[in-house]
């Protein structure tokens, strides 16, 4: 399995569908490379909530995540409010997790 630094160096590859999502077992084994993230929805999605001192810091982080996602063309669900920003990754085309989701989680960790 790649480590967090290796994941951060990778670029997301376009997923056109037609591939199977990662199994829950494989996804669980990759969690060590992205500290703070958890599997949700029976291993179909990755989620992490970041905490901040105030609303503006949370909003600023959400913008950073959005800009990163746009540059990688792999977009999460982002929600934020006073003192928190929650980021959820999964690959819509396959209805589950792909290596791209772990790449992005590692890159988001590098922001925070």
Protein backbone atom coordinates (compact mmCIF):
# COMPACT_ATOMS: atom_id res chain seq x y z
CA UNK A 1 0.00 0.00 0.00
CA UNK A 2 1.29 3.50 -0.75
CA UNK A 3 2.04 5.74 2.20
CA UNK A 4 0.55 9.21 2.74
CA UNK A 5 3.49 10.98 1.10
CA UNK A 6 3.24 8.75 -1.96
CA UNK A 7 -0.50 9.35 -2.16
CA UNK A 8 0.01 13.13 -1.95
CA UNK A 9 2.37 12.99 -4.95
CA UNK A 10 -0.11 11.13 -7.15
CA UNK A 11 -2.61 12.80 -9.47
CA UNK A 12 -6.18 11.66 -9.76
CA UNK A 13 -6.90 9.74 -12.93
CA UNK A 14 -10.27 10.21 -14.61
CA UNK A 15 -12.67 7.44 -13.70
CA UNK A 16 -15.17 6.75 -16.46
CA UNK A 17 -16.95 4.04 -14.53
CA UNK A 18 -16.98 0.37 -15.44
CA UNK A 19 -14.60 -0.52 -12.59
CA UNK A 20 -15.52 -2.01 -9.27
CA UNK A 21 -15.23 0.15 -6.16
CA UNK A 22 -12.62 -0.86 -3.61
CA UNK A 23 -13.77 -3.59 -1.25
CA UNK A 24 -14.37 -2.62 2.34
CA UNK A 25 -11.37 -4.74 3.36
CA UNK A 26 -9.06 -2.94 0.92
CA UNK A 27 -10.43 0.45 1.96
CA UNK A 28 -9.90 -0.41 5.64
CA UNK A 29 -6.29 -1.39 4.92
CA UNK A 30 -5.66 2.00 3.28
CA UNK A 31 -7.03 4.06 6.19
CA UNK A 32 -3.64 4.00 7.94
CA UNK A 33 -2.30 6.21 5.14
CA UNK A 34 -4.87 8.96 5.76
CA UNK A 35 -5.01 9.71 9.50
CA UNK A 36 -8.26 11.17 10.79
CA UNK A 37 -10.47 9.76 8.04
CA UNK A 38 -13.17 7.16 8.57
CA UNK A 39 -15.18 4.86 6.35
CA UNK A 40 -18.91 5.48 6.31
CA UNK A 41 -21.88 3.88 4.56
CA UNK A 42 -20.44 0.37 4.76
CA UNK A 43 -17.10 1.40 3.30
CA UNK A 44 -18.55 3.31 0.34
CA UNK A 45 -17.33 6.77 1.42
CA UNK A 46 -14.52 8.51 3.30
CA UNK A 47 -15.28 11.27 5.81
CA UNK A 48 -13.28 13.60 8.02
CA UNK A 49 -14.36 16.58 10.08
CA UNK A 50 -11.72 19.26 10.66
CA UNK A 51 -12.14 21.70 13.55
CA UNK A 52 -11.30 25.39 13.62
CA UNK A 53 -11.41 28.31 16.03
CA UNK A 54 -14.17 30.14 14.14
CA UNK A 55 -16.38 30.32 11.08
CA UNK A 56 -13.94 32.20 8.85
CA UNK A 57 -11.19 29.63 9.35
CA UNK A 58 -13.62 26.81 8.53
CA UNK A 59 -14.83 28.68 5.44
CA UNK A 60 -11.26 29.38 4.33
CA UNK A 61 -10.40 25.69 4.64
CA UNK A 62 -13.51 24.72 2.66
CA UNK A 63 -12.37 27.06 -0.13
CA UNK A 64 -8.88 25.53 -0.08
CA UNK A 65 -10.37 22.04 -0.36
CA UNK A 66 -12.63 23.21 -3.20
CA UNK A 67 -9.70 24.71 -5.10
CA UNK A 68 -7.66 21.53 -4.64
CA UNK A 69 -10.60 19.41 -5.80
CA UNK A 70 -11.05 21.55 -8.89
CA UNK A 71 -7.34 21.25 -9.76
CA UNK A 72 -7.54 17.46 -9.43
CA UNK A 73 -10.99 17.19 -11.06
CA UNK A 74 -12.20 15.04 -8.17
CA UNK A 75 -14.84 16.75 -6.09
CA UNK A 76 -15.96 15.98 -2.53
CA UNK A 77 -19.07 16.88 -0.65
CA UNK A 78 -18.07 19.74 1.67
CA UNK A 79 -20.11 21.16 4.54
CA UNK A 80 -18.96 23.73 7.03
CA UNK A 81 -20.20 25.95 9.79
CA UNK A 82 -18.89 27.67 12.89
CA UNK A 83 -15.68 25.85 13.80
CA UNK A 84 -15.93 22.81 11.54
CA UNK A 85 -15.53 21.62 7.96
CA UNK A 86 -16.60 18.11 6.97
CA UNK A 87 -15.24 16.59 3.77
CA UNK A 88 -16.67 13.42 2.20
CA UNK A 89 -15.06 11.64 -0.75
CA UNK A 90 -16.38 8.87 -2.96
CA UNK A 91 -16.37 8.23 -6.66
CA UNK A 92 -19.83 8.94 -8.03
CA UNK A 93 -19.31 7.03 -11.29
CA UNK A 94 -18.74 3.75 -9.45
CA UNK A 95 -20.85 4.38 -6.35
CA UNK A 96 -17.99 3.74 -3.95
CA UNK A 97 -14.33 4.28 -3.26
CA UNK A 98 -11.46 4.43 -5.75
CA UNK A 99 -7.77 5.12 -5.17
CA UNK A 100 -8.53 8.73 -6.23
CA UNK A 101 -10.52 9.21 -3.03
CA UNK A 102 -7.52 8.21 -0.92
CA UNK A 103 -5.21 10.44 -2.99
CA UNK A 104 -7.50 13.38 -2.34
CA UNK A 105 -7.85 12.58 1.37
CA UNK A 106 -4.05 12.59 1.70
CA UNK A 107 -3.84 15.90 -0.15
CA UNK A 108 -6.55 17.42 2.06
CA UNK A 109 -4.68 16.24 5.15
CA UNK A 110 -1.64 18.15 3.89
CA UNK A 111 -3.76 21.34 3.83
CA UNK A 112 -4.93 21.06 7.42
